[in-house]
Amino acid sequence: MDISVQDVTSVDKEITIKATREDLSPKFDQAFKKYRSQIQLPGFRPGRVPLGIVKKRFGKEIELEEINNYVQEVYEKQIVPDHEPVGETQMVDMKWEDDQLEVIFKIGAKPEFDVKELSEITVDKMVHDVTEEEVEEEIERTLERQGNWEEIDGEITEEYRVTVDAVSLDEDGNPIEGEKDEDQKLDLRQEAAKDFRDNLVGKKVGDVVKMELGEGDELDRFEMRIKKAEQMKAPELNDEFAKKNSNGEAKNVDEYRSYIKSKMQEYYDQSSDDIFKQTAIDALTEAHDFDIPEVMKEQILNSYVEYAKQQSGGELPEGFNAEEYKEKMDEQAVREGKWAFISQALQEKFDDIEIKPEDIEEQLGIEAARFGATIDQLRSYYAQNPSMLENLRTTIRENKVFAKLADEVSVNELSKDEFRKKREAENEKSEDK
């Protein structure tokens, strides 16, 4: 038996296993004896079928099974310990011809790189303190969600919602056959309804309004018959409302405002942490220049396709081109693969990271709140699923890595608006490439 290695790239290898019938004979002979004791054929007592007949009738299948077992054994006992493959190893070819076995594996190797000086890497972080104005806006939205639209007579104002039948008109002002939309609801308070608002304010139910939208070749003409006008009637903001909508945590309106502010701040703080993690990943993968194994990238890309399949109910959408999709997602797959190696290197660098029982309890509390379960229920679930518990520990360990990173990298704090504008500019720049 011979094993040869060819370096395709710094992180991709092709490993060839060659063996002869002489190498495999001991396994073949042992397998024939095992199956001879199990095979039953007419005219022979159980276990007494002549070995020659066993080989003649079942030899090909038995040998093929033993060849597969042999290849798996060589891979696990020699290739894995010697080369430590990363990603999903691919079997490129396997041939058994003229008593000669040749198997070619494509494996990935761990890239060699040094973690950059973290203080020289800048990571954007969104920082936002919730304002009183934002609190009032959130309260208004909550009141409206629990309010009702009530029909109103009289002139329409910009605070109304109207229901209209709209008919498209030609250049001469005549209705276009088949182009009629009935019972369209237009909330005149919305910015998107500005053009309609300008034409409908001051009108009444039953009025017919002609209007034009756009200009030049894009000019559209409509005739709208107003069928209904409504105004939002929101509940009163009082102590009873405060208690109900805070699950009893706020006893009056002032406490409710504080309650809303704290919840909003929790949301922004969590969003800031989540965004920091992603921007840190982007900055670190950009700062480190190394290749990832092709088999690992392909594995990640396949997981994207599988996720798309799951999102579509188990089947890819009609016309979905998996190869085009993989090509589109190539950069993201490379970034994900690079981060896997960088994250591992950071965990080794931050060798003082320790997962304590209280860390697990805290994470269980977060998971329980997310899934609407009790901590005891989740604790029991993880106790019965060790692999899931290890995933939980991985999440905790990664969170600790990001906490360390926040202290090590150069953090560029940006306001919510500054962060949004910078991201929009970066996205536009990326789309122009």
Protein backbone atom coordinates (compact mmCIF):
# COMPACT_ATOMS: atom_id res chain seq x y z
CA MET A 1 0.00 0.00 0.00
CA ASP A 2 1.28 3.45 -0.93
CA ILE A 3 0.05 6.94 0.04
CA SER A 4 1.25 9.96 -1.97
CA VAL A 5 0.48 13.64 -1.40
CA GLN A 6 0.35 16.42 -3.97
CA ASP A 7 0.11 20.06 -2.86
CA VAL A 8 -2.36 21.73 -5.21
CA THR A 9 -2.24 25.02 -3.30
CA SER A 10 -1.01 26.04 0.14
CA VAL A 11 -4.31 24.80 1.59
CA ASP A 12 -5.46 22.17 -0.93
CA LYS A 13 -3.98 18.69 -1.25
CA GLU A 14 -4.66 15.64 -3.35
CA ILE A 15 -3.93 12.37 -1.59
CA THR A 16 -3.66 9.16 -3.60
CA ILE A 17 -3.95 5.73 -2.03
CA LYS A 18 -2.69 2.77 -4.07
CA ALA A 19 -3.03 -0.86 -3.06
CA THR A 20 -2.83 -4.28 -4.70
CA ARG A 21 -4.81 -7.48 -4.29
CA GLU A 22 -1.92 -8.72 -2.19
CA ASP A 23 -2.51 -5.85 0.25
CA LEU A 24 -6.23 -6.58 0.39
CA SER A 25 -6.15 -10.39 0.37
CA PRO A 26 -6.15 -10.83 4.17
CA LYS A 27 -9.32 -8.72 4.40
CA PHE A 28 -10.93 -10.54 1.47
CA ASP A 29 -10.16 -13.95 2.97
CA GLN A 30 -11.55 -12.95 6.37
CA ALA A 31 -14.72 -11.56 4.73
CA PHE A 32 -15.26 -14.70 2.63
CA LYS A 33 -15.04 -16.88 5.74
CA LYS A 34 -17.48 -14.61 7.59
CA TYR A 35 -20.05 -14.64 4.80
CA ARG A 36 -19.57 -18.38 4.18
CA SER A 37 -20.81 -19.02 7.72
CA GLN A 38 -23.92 -16.91 7.01
CA ILE A 39 -24.84 -17.86 3.46
CA GLN A 40 -27.49 -20.53 2.90
CA LEU A 41 -27.83 -22.24 -0.48
CA PRO A 42 -30.03 -25.17 -1.50
CA GLY A 43 -28.17 -28.45 -1.28
CA PHE A 44 -25.72 -27.28 1.37
CA ARG A 45 -25.91 -27.27 5.11
CA PRO A 46 -25.82 -23.76 6.71
CA GLY A 47 -22.25 -22.53 6.91
CA ARG A 48 -20.94 -25.40 4.72
CA VAL A 49 -21.19 -23.77 1.27
CA PRO A 50 -17.85 -24.37 -0.52
CA LEU A 51 -15.61 -21.28 -0.47
CA GLY A 52 -15.20 -21.49 -4.25
CA ILE A 53 -18.96 -21.15 -4.78
CA VAL A 54 -19.10 -18.20 -2.33
CA LYS A 55 -16.35 -16.43 -4.26
CA LYS A 56 -17.94 -17.20 -7.63
CA ARG A 57 -21.45 -16.05 -6.74
CA PHE A 58 -20.79 -13.25 -4.22
CA GLY A 59 -17.10 -12.46 -4.60
CA LYS A 60 -17.46 -9.16 -6.48
CA GLU A 61 -19.93 -7.66 -3.97
CA ILE A 62 -17.96 -8.90 -0.93
CA GLU A 63 -14.66 -7.57 -2.28
CA LEU A 64 -16.21 -4.19 -3.12
CA GLU A 65 -17.57 -3.87 0.39
CA GLU A 66 -14.15 -4.72 1.86
CA ILE A 67 -12.44 -2.23 -0.46
CA ASN A 68 -14.74 0.52 0.83
CA ASN A 69 -14.03 -0.52 4.43
CA TYR A 70 -10.30 -0.57 3.68
CA VAL A 71 -10.34 2.93 2.17
CA GLN A 72 -12.31 4.28 5.13
CA GLU A 73 -9.88 2.65 7.56
CA VAL A 74 -6.81 4.09 5.80
CA TYR A 75 -8.43 7.52 5.72
CA GLU A 76 -9.31 7.52 9.43
CA LYS A 77 -6.11 5.91 10.73
CA GLN A 78 -3.47 7.44 8.47
CA ILE A 79 -4.69 10.42 6.50
CA VAL A 80 -6.61 12.14 9.30
CA PRO A 81 -3.83 11.89 11.95
CA ASP A 82 -1.09 12.86 9.50
CA HIS A 83 -2.82 15.70 7.62
CA GLU A 84 -5.69 16.88 9.88
CA PRO A 85 -8.12 17.67 7.02
CA VAL A 86 -10.39 20.70 7.38
CA GLY A 87 -13.69 21.07 5.59
CA GLU A 88 -15.50 18.21 3.94
CA THR A 89 -13.05 15.78 2.29
CA GLN A 90 -13.99 14.89 -1.29
CA MET A 91 -13.34 11.53 -2.91
CA VAL A 92 -12.34 12.54 -6.44
CA ASP A 93 -11.97 9.04 -7.87
CA MET A 94 -11.83 5.36 -6.89
CA LYS A 95 -10.80 2.59 -9.28
CA TRP A 96 -10.37 -1.17 -8.77
CA GLU A 97 -9.03 -2.59 -12.00
CA ASP A 98 -6.68 -5.46 -12.76
CA ASP A 99 -6.24 -6.13 -9.03
CA GLN A 100 -5.03 -2.55 -8.53
CA LEU A 101 -6.79 -0.05 -6.25
CA GLU A 102 -6.37 3.69 -6.72
CA VAL A 103 -8.28 6.25 -4.65
CA ILE A 104 -7.85 10.02 -4.87
CA PHE A 105 -8.99 12.31 -2.06
CA LYS A 106 -9.12 16.09 -2.14
CA ILE A 107 -8.58 17.51 1.31
CA GLY A 108 -8.20 20.92 2.88
CA ALA A 109 -5.30 21.98 5.08
CA LYS A 110 -5.33 24.57 7.84
CA PRO A 111 -3.88 27.85 6.51
CA GLU A 112 -0.83 29.29 8.22
CA PHE A 113 -1.09 32.92 9.28
CA ASP A 114 -0.31 35.19 12.20
CA VAL A 115 -3.02 37.25 13.89
CA LYS A 116 -2.48 40.91 13.05
CA GLU A 117 -1.84 43.50 15.74
CA LEU A 118 -5.42 44.04 16.89
CA SER A 119 -4.89 47.63 18.04
CA GLU A 120 -4.18 48.56 14.41
CA ILE A 121 -7.55 47.24 13.24
CA THR A 122 -10.45 49.71 13.35
CA VAL A 123 -13.99 48.48 13.89
CA ASP A 124 -17.08 50.70 13.60
CA LYS A 125 -19.57 50.56 16.45
CA MET A 126 -23.01 52.14 16.49
CA VAL A 127 -23.72 54.01 19.72
CA HIS A 128 -27.17 55.39 20.39
CA ASP A 129 -28.91 56.79 23.44
CA VAL A 130 -32.68 56.69 23.12
CA THR A 131 -34.23 60.18 23.16
CA GLU A 132 -37.49 61.33 24.73
CA GLU A 133 -38.78 62.09 21.25
CA GLU A 134 -38.20 58.47 20.19
CA VAL A 135 -40.01 57.28 23.29
CA GLU A 136 -43.05 59.43 22.43
CA GLU A 137 -43.00 58.16 18.84
CA GLU A 138 -42.95 54.55 20.05
CA ILE A 139 -45.84 55.24 22.43
CA GLU A 140 -47.80 56.79 19.56
CA ARG A 141 -47.19 53.69 17.45
CA THR A 142 -48.34 51.47 20.31
CA LEU A 143 -51.50 53.53 20.79
CA GLU A 144 -52.27 53.35 17.08
CA ARG A 145 -51.74 49.59 16.91
CA GLN A 146 -54.44 49.25 19.53
CA GLY A 147 -56.71 51.87 17.99
CA ASN A 148 -59.54 51.60 15.48
CA TRP A 149 -60.41 53.41 12.28
CA GLU A 150 -63.79 55.13 12.52
CA GLU A 151 -65.79 56.48 9.60
CA ILE A 152 -66.00 60.26 9.47
CA ASP A 153 -68.30 62.66 7.59
CA GLY A 154 -67.25 66.06 6.37
CA GLU A 155 -64.13 67.32 4.65
CA ILE A 156 -61.12 65.04 4.44
CA THR A 157 -57.98 66.11 6.30
CA GLU A 158 -54.39 64.88 6.06
CA GLU A 159 -55.03 62.71 9.15
CA TYR A 160 -57.59 60.54 7.37
CA ARG A 161 -57.50 57.20 5.62
CA VAL A 162 -59.63 57.06 2.50
CA THR A 163 -60.99 54.19 0.44
CA VAL A 164 -61.28 54.86 -3.29
CA ASP A 165 -62.07 53.19 -6.60
CA ALA A 166 -59.35 54.26 -9.02
CA VAL A 167 -59.73 54.17 -12.82
CA SER A 168 -56.86 54.80 -15.24
CA LEU A 169 -57.58 57.40 -17.95
CA ASP A 170 -56.18 57.84 -21.44
CA GLU A 171 -54.80 61.12 -22.83
CA ASP A 172 -58.34 62.27 -23.64
CA GLY A 173 -59.56 61.59 -20.12
CA ASN A 174 -61.54 58.48 -21.00
CA PRO A 175 -61.48 55.35 -18.79
CA ILE A 176 -59.12 52.60 -19.97
CA GLU A 177 -60.94 49.29 -20.12
CA GLY A 178 -59.72 46.72 -17.60
CA GLU A 179 -57.61 49.18 -15.59
CA LYS A 180 -59.70 49.73 -12.48
CA ASP A 181 -58.60 49.14 -8.90
CA GLU A 182 -61.44 48.98 -6.40
CA ASP A 183 -61.33 49.61 -2.67
CA GLN A 184 -57.79 51.00 -2.52
CA LYS A 185 -56.93 52.27 0.96
CA LEU A 186 -54.76 55.38 1.14
CA ASP A 187 -53.38 56.49 4.51
CA LEU A 188 -52.92 60.21 3.91
CA ARG A 189 -50.60 60.49 6.92
CA GLN A 190 -47.90 58.50 5.14
CA GLU A 191 -45.18 60.28 3.17
CA ALA A 192 -45.73 57.87 0.26
CA ALA A 193 -49.28 59.23 -0.08
CA LYS A 194 -48.18 62.86 -0.50
CA ASP A 195 -49.41 63.26 -4.10
CA PHE A 196 -52.76 61.71 -3.22
CA ARG A 197 -53.00 63.82 -0.07
CA ASP A 198 -52.55 67.03 -2.08
CA ASN A 199 -55.47 66.05 -4.30
CA LEU A 200 -57.83 64.61 -1.69
CA VAL A 201 -57.61 66.96 1.31
CA GLY A 202 -60.75 69.10 1.45
CA LYS A 203 -62.83 66.65 -0.56
CA LYS A 204 -65.77 64.55 0.75
CA VAL A 205 -67.10 61.03 0.43
CA GLY A 206 -68.84 60.68 -2.93
CA ASP A 207 -66.59 63.18 -4.71
CA VAL A 208 -64.84 62.17 -7.94
CA VAL A 209 -61.29 63.49 -8.22
CA LYS A 210 -59.13 63.51 -11.33
CA MET A 211 -55.37 63.65 -10.86
CA GLU A 212 -52.08 63.17 -12.67
CA LEU A 213 -48.89 61.54 -11.40
CA GLY A 214 -45.43 61.74 -12.95
CA GLU A 215 -44.43 63.72 -16.01
CA GLY A 216 -43.59 63.33 -19.68
CA ASP A 217 -43.74 59.74 -20.90
CA GLU A 218 -44.20 58.57 -17.31
CA LEU A 219 -47.38 60.62 -16.79
CA ASP A 220 -50.30 58.61 -15.38
CA ARG A 221 -53.88 59.88 -15.21
CA PHE A 222 -56.47 58.68 -12.71
CA GLU A 223 -60.05 59.25 -11.73
CA MET A 224 -60.78 58.38 -8.11
CA ARG A 225 -64.20 58.02 -6.54
CA ILE A 226 -64.05 58.50 -2.76
CA LYS A 227 -66.06 55.74 -1.07
CA LYS A 228 -65.11 56.07 2.58
CA ALA A 229 -63.13 58.33 4.93
CA GLU A 230 -61.82 57.19 8.31
CA GLN A 231 -59.91 58.65 11.22
CA MET A 232 -57.79 56.75 13.71
CA LYS A 233 -59.26 56.66 17.20
CA ALA A 234 -56.47 55.59 19.52
CA PRO A 235 -57.00 54.56 23.15
CA GLU A 236 -56.25 57.08 25.87
CA LEU A 237 -52.77 57.04 27.37
CA ASN A 238 -53.59 56.57 31.05
CA ASP A 239 -52.43 54.53 34.04
CA GLU A 240 -54.62 51.57 33.10
CA PHE A 241 -53.08 51.50 29.61
CA ALA A 242 -49.59 51.74 31.17
CA LYS A 243 -50.18 48.76 33.47
CA LYS A 244 -51.67 46.60 30.72
CA ASN A 245 -48.96 47.26 28.14
CA SER A 246 -46.07 46.78 30.54
CA ASN A 247 -47.40 43.57 32.07
CA GLY A 248 -47.75 45.38 35.36
CA GLU A 249 -44.17 46.68 35.48
CA ALA A 250 -45.33 50.29 35.16
CA LYS A 251 -47.99 51.59 37.53
CA ASN A 252 -48.58 54.95 35.84
CA VAL A 253 -47.85 56.88 32.65
CA ASP A 254 -44.52 58.30 33.82
CA GLU A 255 -43.28 54.84 34.78
CA TYR A 256 -44.52 53.55 31.43
CA ARG A 257 -42.38 56.11 29.60
CA SER A 258 -39.37 54.94 31.61
CA TYR A 259 -40.29 51.33 30.88
CA ILE A 260 -40.51 51.98 27.13
CA LYS A 261 -37.22 53.86 27.16
CA SER A 262 -35.41 51.02 28.94
CA LYS A 263 -36.82 48.45 26.48
CA MET A 264 -35.82 50.56 23.51
CA GLN A 265 -32.34 51.07 24.95
CA GLU A 266 -31.99 47.31 25.47
CA TYR A 267 -32.92 46.82 21.84
CA TYR A 268 -30.40 49.37 20.57
CA ASP A 269 -27.66 48.03 22.84
CA GLN A 270 -28.27 44.48 21.60
CA SER A 271 -28.38 45.68 18.00
CA SER A 272 -25.14 47.57 18.57
CA ASP A 273 -23.48 44.40 19.92
CA ASP A 274 -24.76 42.33 17.00
CA ILE A 275 -23.61 44.90 14.45
CA PHE A 276 -20.22 45.20 16.18
CA LYS A 277 -19.73 41.45 15.83
CA GLN A 278 -20.42 41.58 12.10
CA THR A 279 -18.27 44.66 11.49
CA ALA A 280 -15.48 43.06 13.54
CA ILE A 281 -15.68 39.93 11.38
CA ASP A 282 -15.59 42.07 8.23
CA ALA A 283 -12.61 44.11 9.47
CA LEU A 284 -10.61 41.08 10.62
CA THR A 285 -11.23 39.00 7.49
CA GLU A 286 -10.25 42.02 5.40
CA ALA A 287 -7.06 42.51 7.40
CA HIS A 288 -5.88 38.88 7.06
CA ASP A 289 -4.83 37.69 3.63
CA PHE A 290 -4.86 33.91 3.31
CA ASP A 291 -6.67 31.28 1.27
CA ILE A 292 -9.23 28.81 2.55
CA PRO A 293 -9.43 25.20 1.29
CA GLU A 294 -11.56 24.71 -1.80
CA VAL A 295 -13.41 21.80 -0.17
CA MET A 296 -14.31 24.02 2.77
CA LYS A 297 -15.61 26.80 0.52
CA GLU A 298 -17.69 24.29 -1.43
CA GLN A 299 -19.10 22.92 1.81
CA ILE A 300 -20.14 26.42 2.91
CA LEU A 301 -21.69 27.19 -0.49
CA ASN A 302 -23.64 23.93 -0.39
CA SER A 303 -24.96 24.92 3.03
CA TYR A 304 -26.25 28.18 1.52
CA VAL A 305 -28.11 26.24 -1.18
CA GLU A 306 -29.51 23.87 1.44
CA TYR A 307 -30.71 26.83 3.51
CA ALA A 308 -32.42 28.30 0.44
CA LYS A 309 -34.13 24.94 -0.05
CA GLN A 310 -35.34 24.87 3.57
CA GLN A 311 -36.64 28.43 3.25
CA SER A 312 -38.71 27.31 0.26
CA GLY A 313 -40.36 24.39 2.05
CA GLY A 314 -37.81 21.69 1.20
CA GLU A 315 -37.60 22.30 -2.56
CA LEU A 316 -35.61 24.92 -4.45
CA PRO A 317 -37.80 27.49 -6.23
CA GLU A 318 -38.56 26.81 -9.88
CA GLY A 319 -35.80 28.22 -12.06
CA PHE A 320 -33.33 28.45 -9.17
CA ASN A 321 -29.81 28.05 -10.58
CA ALA A 322 -27.66 26.62 -7.81
CA GLU A 323 -24.36 27.21 -9.60
CA GLU A 324 -25.15 30.86 -10.34
CA TYR A 325 -26.25 31.30 -6.74
CA LYS A 326 -22.97 29.80 -5.49
CA GLU A 327 -21.01 32.14 -7.74
CA LYS A 328 -22.92 35.09 -6.32
CA MET A 329 -22.26 33.95 -2.74
CA ASP A 330 -18.58 33.11 -3.31
CA GLU A 331 -17.16 36.14 -1.46
CA GLN A 332 -19.42 35.57 1.53
CA ALA A 333 -18.37 31.92 1.70
CA VAL A 334 -14.69 32.90 1.66
CA ARG A 335 -15.32 35.45 4.42
CA GLU A 336 -17.15 32.85 6.53
CA GLY A 337 -14.36 30.33 6.02
CA LYS A 338 -11.64 32.84 6.90
CA TRP A 339 -13.51 33.86 10.03
CA ALA A 340 -13.64 30.23 11.19
CA PHE A 341 -9.83 30.10 11.20
CA ILE A 342 -9.40 33.61 12.63
CA SER A 343 -11.90 32.89 15.42
CA GLN A 344 -10.00 29.72 16.32
CA ALA A 345 -6.71 31.65 16.35
CA LEU A 346 -8.24 34.34 18.59
CA GLN A 347 -9.50 31.73 21.04
CA GLU A 348 -5.95 30.40 21.26
CA LYS A 349 -4.61 33.94 21.65
CA PHE A 350 -7.10 34.75 24.41
CA ASP A 351 -6.09 31.68 26.38
CA ASP A 352 -7.56 33.05 29.60
CA ILE A 353 -11.13 32.61 28.30
CA GLU A 354 -13.02 30.37 30.69
CA ILE A 355 -16.62 29.18 30.59
CA LYS A 356 -18.10 29.13 34.07
CA PRO A 357 -21.39 27.61 35.24
CA GLU A 358 -22.85 31.09 35.66
CA ASP A 359 -22.05 31.81 31.99
CA ILE A 360 -24.11 28.81 30.97
CA GLU A 361 -26.97 29.87 33.25
CA GLU A 362 -26.92 33.37 31.77
CA GLN A 363 -26.99 32.02 28.20
CA LEU A 364 -29.80 29.64 29.13
CA GLY A 365 -31.77 32.63 30.35
CA ILE A 366 -31.24 34.41 27.03
CA GLU A 367 -32.27 31.32 25.07
CA ALA A 368 -35.31 30.77 27.29
CA ALA A 369 -36.52 34.32 26.68
CA ARG A 370 -35.99 33.91 22.94
CA PHE A 371 -37.95 30.67 22.63
CA GLY A 372 -40.58 31.31 25.29
CA ALA A 373 -39.45 28.44 27.51
CA THR A 374 -38.31 28.18 31.11
CA ILE A 375 -34.67 27.81 32.07
CA ASP A 376 -35.44 24.41 33.64
CA GLN A 377 -36.99 23.20 30.36
CA LEU A 378 -33.93 24.24 28.39
CA ARG A 379 -31.57 22.79 30.98
CA SER A 380 -33.34 19.45 30.67
CA TYR A 381 -33.26 19.66 26.87
CA TYR A 382 -29.52 20.35 26.74
CA ALA A 383 -28.85 17.60 29.27
CA GLN A 384 -30.46 15.13 26.86
CA ASN A 385 -28.65 16.56 23.82
CA PRO A 386 -24.89 16.84 24.54
CA SER A 387 -24.14 18.11 21.03
CA MET A 388 -26.54 21.02 21.53
CA LEU A 389 -24.90 21.79 24.86
CA GLU A 390 -21.55 21.97 23.08
CA ASN A 391 -23.11 24.41 20.58
CA LEU A 392 -24.24 26.50 23.54
CA ARG A 393 -20.71 26.51 24.94
CA THR A 394 -19.39 27.51 21.50
CA THR A 395 -21.77 30.48 21.46
CA ILE A 396 -20.60 31.56 24.91
CA ARG A 397 -16.95 31.19 23.92
CA GLU A 398 -17.47 33.27 20.76
CA ASN A 399 -19.27 35.97 22.75
CA LYS A 400 -16.27 36.12 25.09
CA VAL A 401 -13.96 36.45 22.08
CA PHE A 402 -15.95 39.46 20.85
CA ALA A 403 -15.89 40.97 24.34
CA LYS A 404 -12.09 40.66 24.29
CA LEU A 405 -11.94 42.11 20.80
CA ALA A 406 -13.89 45.18 21.92
CA ASP A 407 -11.03 45.92 24.32
CA GLU A 408 -8.24 45.11 21.87
CA VAL A 409 -9.24 46.70 18.55
CA SER A 410 -9.57 50.39 17.81
CA VAL A 411 -13.29 51.12 18.14
CA ASN A 412 -14.75 53.90 15.99
CA GLU A 413 -17.97 55.00 17.67
CA LEU A 414 -20.62 56.37 15.32
CA SER A 415 -24.09 57.70 15.96
CA LYS A 416 -27.05 55.81 14.53
CA ASP A 417 -27.36 58.22 11.59
CA GLU A 418 -23.61 58.33 10.95
CA PHE A 419 -23.43 54.53 10.96
CA ARG A 420 -26.40 54.22 8.59
CA LYS A 421 -25.00 56.77 6.12
CA LYS A 422 -21.58 55.12 6.13
CA ARG A 423 -23.09 51.69 5.47
CA GLU A 424 -25.27 53.06 2.67
CA ALA A 425 -22.21 54.65 1.03
CA GLU A 426 -20.26 51.39 1.33
CA ASN A 427 -23.14 49.41 -0.19
CA GLU A 428 -23.43 51.82 -3.11
CA LYS A 429 -19.69 51.56 -3.68
CA SER A 430 -19.91 47.77 -3.59
CA GLU A 431 -22.80 47.72 -6.09
CA ASP A 432 -20.83 49.94 -8.50
CA LYS A 433 -17.96 47.42 -8.70
